[in-house]
Amino acid sequence: MIVHPFPPLFNEESEVLILGSFPSVKSREQRFFYGHRQNRFWKVMACVLNCPTPESIEEKRAMLLGNHIAVWDVIGSCNITGSSDASIQDAAPNDLSPIFDGAQIRAVYANGGKAYELYQKYLYPQNGREIVRLPSTSPANAAFSLEKLVEQWKVIGQELGRA
């Protein structure tokens, strides 16, 4: 059983929550979100927010919080092989109430189908908050070019009044 090794990223000004499934091996090593160099999350968010692509963890943190975005994962612990979402078993969800209670979240987005599926299974019945499924920024999602991802993810910029 692997336990999620780092806390959610949010503050009292967060308005949008983006949920992944569970951190990749690289993210677990770095103890921060979307740590695999090939994951397109940071490039997509930089395009959506019209910001330079952040490099350091501090730059990434500042970009998200400065744009009222919270990030967390649906799963708090599970058995997983490597970074494969398809291998997730014995999942236990994270408690999202600290984010919902401590921020002004008005929209929730899933980074990919697995995050969406796990949210619907474990968390929607608890909190009743709708979630919007976005295509995964993972390098495994080869069907979506960076341009196609940005086009789909622009809904976050629109939600925040940036588009």
Protein backbone atom coordinates (compact mmCIF):
# COMPACT_ATOMS: atom_id res chain seq x y z
CA MET A 1 0.00 0.00 0.00
CA ILE A 2 1.40 3.38 -1.02
CA VAL A 3 0.22 6.47 0.87
CA HIS A 4 0.05 9.84 -0.90
CA PRO A 5 3.32 11.51 0.16
CA PHE A 6 2.49 15.24 -0.01
CA PRO A 7 -0.35 17.61 0.90
CA PRO A 8 -2.88 19.36 -1.33
CA LEU A 9 -1.97 22.72 -2.84
CA PHE A 10 -4.57 25.39 -2.07
CA ASN A 11 -5.22 28.55 -0.11
CA GLU A 12 -8.27 30.54 0.95
CA GLU A 13 -8.36 32.28 -2.46
CA SER A 14 -8.53 29.05 -4.50
CA GLU A 15 -11.59 28.96 -6.77
CA VAL A 16 -10.86 26.01 -9.07
CA LEU A 17 -9.83 22.53 -7.94
CA ILE A 18 -8.00 20.23 -10.35
CA LEU A 19 -7.89 16.59 -9.29
CA GLY A 20 -5.53 13.92 -10.56
CA SER A 21 -5.84 10.25 -9.70
CA PHE A 22 -2.66 9.43 -7.72
CA PRO A 23 0.90 10.77 -8.06
CA SER A 24 3.30 9.15 -10.50
CA VAL A 25 6.58 7.64 -9.35
CA LYS A 26 8.39 10.88 -10.35
CA SER A 27 5.84 13.03 -8.51
CA ARG A 28 6.18 10.85 -5.41
CA GLU A 29 9.97 11.23 -5.60
CA GLN A 30 9.73 15.03 -5.97
CA ARG A 31 6.88 15.26 -3.48
CA PHE A 32 4.98 17.58 -5.82
CA PHE A 33 2.38 17.36 -8.57
CA TYR A 34 3.07 16.35 -12.17
CA GLY A 35 6.77 15.69 -11.69
CA HIS A 36 7.34 13.60 -14.81
CA ARG A 37 9.14 15.73 -17.42
CA GLN A 38 6.88 14.38 -20.16
CA ASN A 39 3.64 15.28 -18.38
CA ARG A 40 2.15 18.29 -20.14
CA PHE A 41 0.24 19.70 -17.14
CA TRP A 42 2.59 22.65 -16.55
CA LYS A 43 2.79 23.59 -20.24
CA VAL A 44 -0.99 23.36 -20.60
CA MET A 45 -1.64 25.46 -17.50
CA ALA A 46 0.92 28.07 -18.59
CA CYS A 47 -0.85 28.37 -21.97
CA VAL A 48 -4.30 28.51 -20.39
CA LEU A 49 -3.20 31.16 -17.87
CA ASN A 50 -1.00 33.05 -20.35
CA CYS A 51 2.07 32.66 -18.12
CA PRO A 52 5.61 31.44 -18.70
CA THR A 53 5.98 27.69 -18.12
CA PRO A 54 7.18 27.28 -14.54
CA GLU A 55 10.32 25.25 -13.90
CA SER A 56 10.86 25.02 -10.14
CA ILE A 57 8.38 23.72 -7.61
CA GLU A 58 8.17 27.22 -6.12
CA GLU A 59 7.35 28.70 -9.55
CA LYS A 60 4.71 26.01 -10.08
CA ARG A 61 3.19 26.64 -6.67
CA ALA A 62 3.17 30.41 -7.24
CA MET A 63 1.57 30.10 -10.69
CA LEU A 64 -1.30 27.97 -9.42
CA LEU A 65 -1.99 29.82 -6.19
CA GLY A 66 -1.57 33.20 -7.91
CA ASN A 67 -4.31 32.17 -10.33
CA HIS A 68 -6.66 30.80 -7.63
CA ILE A 69 -6.11 27.16 -8.57
CA ALA A 70 -5.96 24.27 -6.10
CA VAL A 71 -4.51 20.86 -7.01
CA TRP A 72 -4.93 17.52 -5.28
CA ASP A 73 -5.56 13.88 -6.07
CA VAL A 74 -8.65 11.74 -5.64
CA ILE A 75 -6.79 8.83 -4.06
CA GLY A 76 -4.99 9.02 -0.71
CA SER A 77 -3.62 5.49 -0.68
CA CYS A 78 -3.68 2.47 -2.95
CA ASN A 79 -1.74 -0.39 -4.42
CA ILE A 80 -0.28 0.73 -7.74
CA THR A 81 2.28 -0.67 -10.15
CA GLY A 82 4.69 2.11 -11.07
CA SER A 83 2.65 5.07 -12.31
CA SER A 84 -0.10 3.09 -14.06
CA ASP A 85 -3.59 4.37 -13.23
CA ALA A 86 -4.96 1.15 -14.71
CA SER A 87 -3.21 -0.83 -11.97
CA ILE A 88 -4.76 1.08 -9.04
CA GLN A 89 -6.32 -1.33 -6.52
CA ASP A 90 -7.54 -1.10 -2.93
CA ALA A 91 -7.99 2.65 -3.31
CA ALA A 92 -8.91 4.86 -0.36
CA PRO A 93 -9.98 8.41 -1.28
CA ASN A 94 -8.50 11.63 0.02
CA ASP A 95 -10.65 13.82 2.25
CA LEU A 96 -11.47 16.93 0.20
CA SER A 97 -13.30 18.71 3.01
CA PRO A 98 -10.24 20.76 4.12
CA ILE A 99 -10.11 22.25 0.61
CA PHE A 100 -13.85 22.82 0.31
CA ASP A 101 -14.00 24.26 3.84
CA GLY A 102 -10.86 26.39 3.53
CA ALA A 103 -11.21 27.77 0.01
CA GLN A 104 -13.84 29.26 -2.29
CA ILE A 105 -13.98 26.33 -4.74
CA ARG A 106 -16.66 26.88 -7.33
CA ALA A 107 -15.58 24.37 -9.99
CA VAL A 108 -13.88 20.97 -9.90
CA TYR A 109 -12.02 19.43 -12.85
CA ALA A 110 -10.60 15.94 -13.34
CA ASN A 111 -7.25 15.55 -15.09
CA GLY A 112 -8.20 12.49 -17.11
CA GLY A 113 -10.69 9.67 -17.16
CA LYS A 114 -9.31 7.70 -14.22
CA ALA A 115 -9.45 10.73 -11.89
CA TYR A 116 -13.02 11.36 -13.07
CA GLU A 117 -14.04 7.72 -12.59
CA LEU A 118 -12.49 7.52 -9.10
CA TYR A 119 -14.07 10.82 -8.06
CA GLN A 120 -17.51 9.65 -9.21
CA LYS A 121 -17.08 6.37 -7.33
CA TYR A 122 -15.63 7.61 -4.04
CA LEU A 123 -16.14 11.34 -3.58
CA TYR A 124 -19.22 12.52 -5.46
CA PRO A 125 -21.49 10.40 -3.22
CA GLN A 126 -19.95 12.14 -0.18
CA ASN A 127 -19.94 15.74 -1.33
CA GLY A 128 -22.43 15.96 -4.22
CA ARG A 129 -20.14 18.35 -6.12
CA GLU A 130 -20.10 17.98 -9.88
CA ILE A 131 -16.79 17.43 -11.65
CA VAL A 132 -15.83 18.19 -15.26
CA ARG A 133 -13.69 15.62 -17.03
CA LEU A 134 -10.76 17.01 -18.99
CA PRO A 135 -8.37 14.96 -21.14
CA SER A 136 -5.33 13.72 -19.27
CA THR A 137 -2.08 15.66 -19.56
CA SER A 138 -0.17 12.39 -19.08
CA PRO A 139 2.30 11.36 -21.79
CA ALA A 140 0.28 8.13 -21.99
CA ASN A 141 -2.54 10.16 -23.58
CA ALA A 142 -0.92 10.27 -27.01
CA ALA A 143 -4.26 10.91 -28.71
CA PHE A 144 -4.12 14.55 -27.58
CA SER A 145 -1.48 16.94 -28.88
CA LEU A 146 -0.45 19.85 -26.67
CA GLU A 147 -2.63 22.13 -28.81
CA LYS A 148 -5.70 19.90 -28.39
CA LEU A 149 -5.12 19.71 -24.64
CA VAL A 150 -4.84 23.48 -24.33
CA GLU A 151 -8.06 23.91 -26.33
CA GLN A 152 -9.95 21.59 -23.94
CA TRP A 153 -8.35 22.97 -20.78
CA LYS A 154 -9.19 26.59 -21.71
CA VAL A 155 -12.44 26.05 -19.81
CA ILE A 156 -10.41 26.63 -16.62
CA GLY A 157 -9.20 29.99 -17.89
CA GLN A 158 -12.78 30.85 -18.77
CA GLU A 159 -13.96 29.83 -15.30
CA LEU A 160 -11.37 32.19 -13.81
CA GLY A 161 -12.21 35.01 -16.23
CA ARG A 162 -8.82 34.74 -17.98
CA ALA A 163 -10.14 33.98 -21.46
